[in-house]
Protein backbone atom coordinates (compact mmCIF):
# COMPACT_ATOMS: atom_id res chain seq x y z
CA VAL A 1 -13.65 7.01 -1.07
CA GLN A 2 -15.18 3.79 -2.37
CA LEU A 3 -11.71 2.59 -3.39
CA VAL A 4 -10.18 3.14 -0.01
CA LYS A 5 -13.23 1.73 1.79
CA GLY A 6 -13.17 -1.36 -0.46
CA THR A 7 -9.44 -1.83 0.02
CA VAL A 8 -9.74 -1.47 3.89
CA ALA A 9 -12.70 -3.88 3.92
CA GLN A 10 -10.89 -6.83 2.18
CA LEU A 11 -7.41 -5.98 3.82
CA GLU A 12 -8.13 -8.04 6.92
CA ASP A 13 -8.53 -11.28 4.77
CA ARG A 14 -5.16 -10.60 3.10
CA PHE A 15 -3.20 -9.47 6.17
CA PRO A 16 -4.51 -11.39 9.15
CA GLY A 17 -2.52 -9.31 11.66
CA MET A 18 -5.04 -6.73 10.99
CA ARG A 19 -7.62 -8.54 12.89
CA ALA A 20 -5.92 -7.68 16.10
CA TYR A 21 -5.88 -3.92 15.48
CA ASP A 22 -7.65 -1.59 17.81
CA GLU A 23 -9.99 1.24 16.48
CA LEU A 24 -6.99 3.71 16.28
CA ALA A 25 -4.70 1.36 14.19
CA ARG A 26 -7.75 0.65 11.90
CA GLN A 27 -8.19 4.44 11.52
CA ARG A 28 -4.53 4.93 10.67
CA THR A 29 -4.84 2.01 8.19
CA THR A 30 -7.59 3.71 6.52
CA GLU A 31 -5.50 6.95 6.53
CA ASP A 32 -2.56 5.19 4.92
CA ILE A 33 -4.83 3.64 2.27
CA ALA A 34 -6.10 7.15 1.33
CA HIS A 35 -2.54 8.44 1.16
CA ILE A 36 -1.70 5.51 -1.02
CA VAL A 37 -4.63 6.38 -3.36
CA ASP A 38 -3.73 10.23 -3.24
CA PHE A 39 -0.33 9.27 -4.32
CA LEU A 40 -1.38 7.16 -7.13
CA SER A 41 -3.72 9.51 -8.42
CA THR A 42 -1.02 12.48 -8.30
CA ALA A 43 1.67 10.14 -10.08
CA LEU A 44 -0.82 9.18 -12.72
CA TYR A 45 -1.76 12.80 -13.24
CA VAL A 46 1.78 14.02 -13.79
CA ASP A 47 3.02 10.79 -15.09
CA HIS A 48 5.81 10.13 -12.71
CA ASP A 49 6.44 6.59 -11.39
CA GLU A 50 9.01 7.47 -9.05
CA LEU A 51 6.58 9.82 -7.26
CA PHE A 52 4.61 6.87 -6.32
CA THR A 53 7.40 4.23 -5.77
CA GLY A 54 9.26 6.75 -3.57
CA PHE A 55 6.08 7.36 -1.45
CA ILE A 56 5.59 3.54 -1.00
CA THR A 57 9.05 2.78 0.18
CA CYS A 58 8.96 5.98 2.47
CA THR A 59 5.47 4.63 3.82
CA ALA A 60 7.19 1.29 4.35
CA ASP A 61 9.69 3.04 6.55
CA ILE A 62 7.25 4.75 8.58
CA LEU A 63 5.18 1.51 9.12
CA GLU A 64 8.41 -0.25 10.51
CA ALA A 65 8.95 2.70 12.80
CA ARG A 66 5.29 1.92 14.05
CA ASP A 67 6.27 -1.75 14.29
CA VAL A 68 3.94 -2.63 11.51
CA PRO A 69 5.38 -4.89 9.00
CA ALA A 70 6.21 -3.13 5.62
CA ALA A 71 4.92 -6.22 3.87
CA SER A 72 1.46 -5.16 5.03
CA LEU A 73 1.75 -2.88 1.90
CA HIS A 74 1.86 -5.63 -0.66
CA PRO A 75 -1.65 -6.92 0.16
CA ALA A 76 -2.98 -3.33 0.09
CA LEU A 77 -1.33 -2.78 -3.29
CA ASP A 78 -2.60 -5.95 -4.49
CA LEU A 79 -6.25 -5.19 -3.74
CA LEU A 80 -6.14 -1.72 -5.36
CA ALA A 81 -4.65 -3.43 -8.61
CA GLU A 82 -7.58 -5.89 -8.24
CA GLN A 83 -10.06 -3.01 -8.20
CA LEU A 84 -8.22 -1.21 -10.94
CA THR A 85 -8.22 -3.67 -13.64
CA GLU A 86 -9.55 -1.48 -16.40
CA PHE A 87 -6.62 1.22 -15.78
CA PRO A 88 -3.38 -0.01 -17.52
CA ARG A 89 -1.37 2.91 -16.13
CA SER A 90 -2.68 2.33 -12.61
CA GLN A 91 -1.69 -1.39 -13.01
CA ARG A 92 1.91 -0.36 -14.09
CA LEU A 93 2.19 1.93 -11.24
CA LEU A 94 1.07 -0.63 -8.66
CA ARG A 95 3.37 -3.29 -10.05
CA ALA A 96 6.33 -0.72 -9.79
CA ALA A 97 5.52 -0.03 -6.22
CA ASN A 98 5.37 -3.62 -5.38
CA ALA A 99 8.74 -4.20 -6.95
CA ALA A 100 10.30 -1.25 -5.23
CA LEU A 101 8.93 -2.57 -2.05
CA THR A 102 10.16 -5.96 -2.56
CA ALA A 103 13.81 -4.56 -3.63
CA ARG A 104 13.94 -2.08 -0.66
CA PRO A 105 16.35 -3.08 2.00
CA SER A 106 14.42 -3.97 5.21
CA THR A 107 14.88 -5.05 8.84
CA ASP A 108 11.21 -6.70 8.63
CA PRO A 109 11.67 -10.44 8.82
CA ASN A 110 8.33 -10.76 7.34
CA SER A 111 8.91 -8.74 4.14
CA ARG A 112 8.34 -10.31 0.73
CA VAL A 113 11.37 -12.18 -0.55
């Protein structure tokens, strides 16, 4: 829970578009971060990188369908990595997810190049 709260609290600084979110959008963002942490934990438990990277690219599709830039996932993943520096396997998965997100074909003009 603390990992999710810490990430959401710092996300506004990394993704300025979040400053305009209403309460419902903030709640969904918190839920999205919680799902990311859940999938990260599960992928670590079963030692399956593709489970996590596939979830992240699927989440990117869902965000774009909600008119949220998929690029907003990069700062969230980066913030998680900053909080999990003592966990090398987590770092590996978060780097892989960022790479999969970057490599993913996107219609989002704000996606990371």
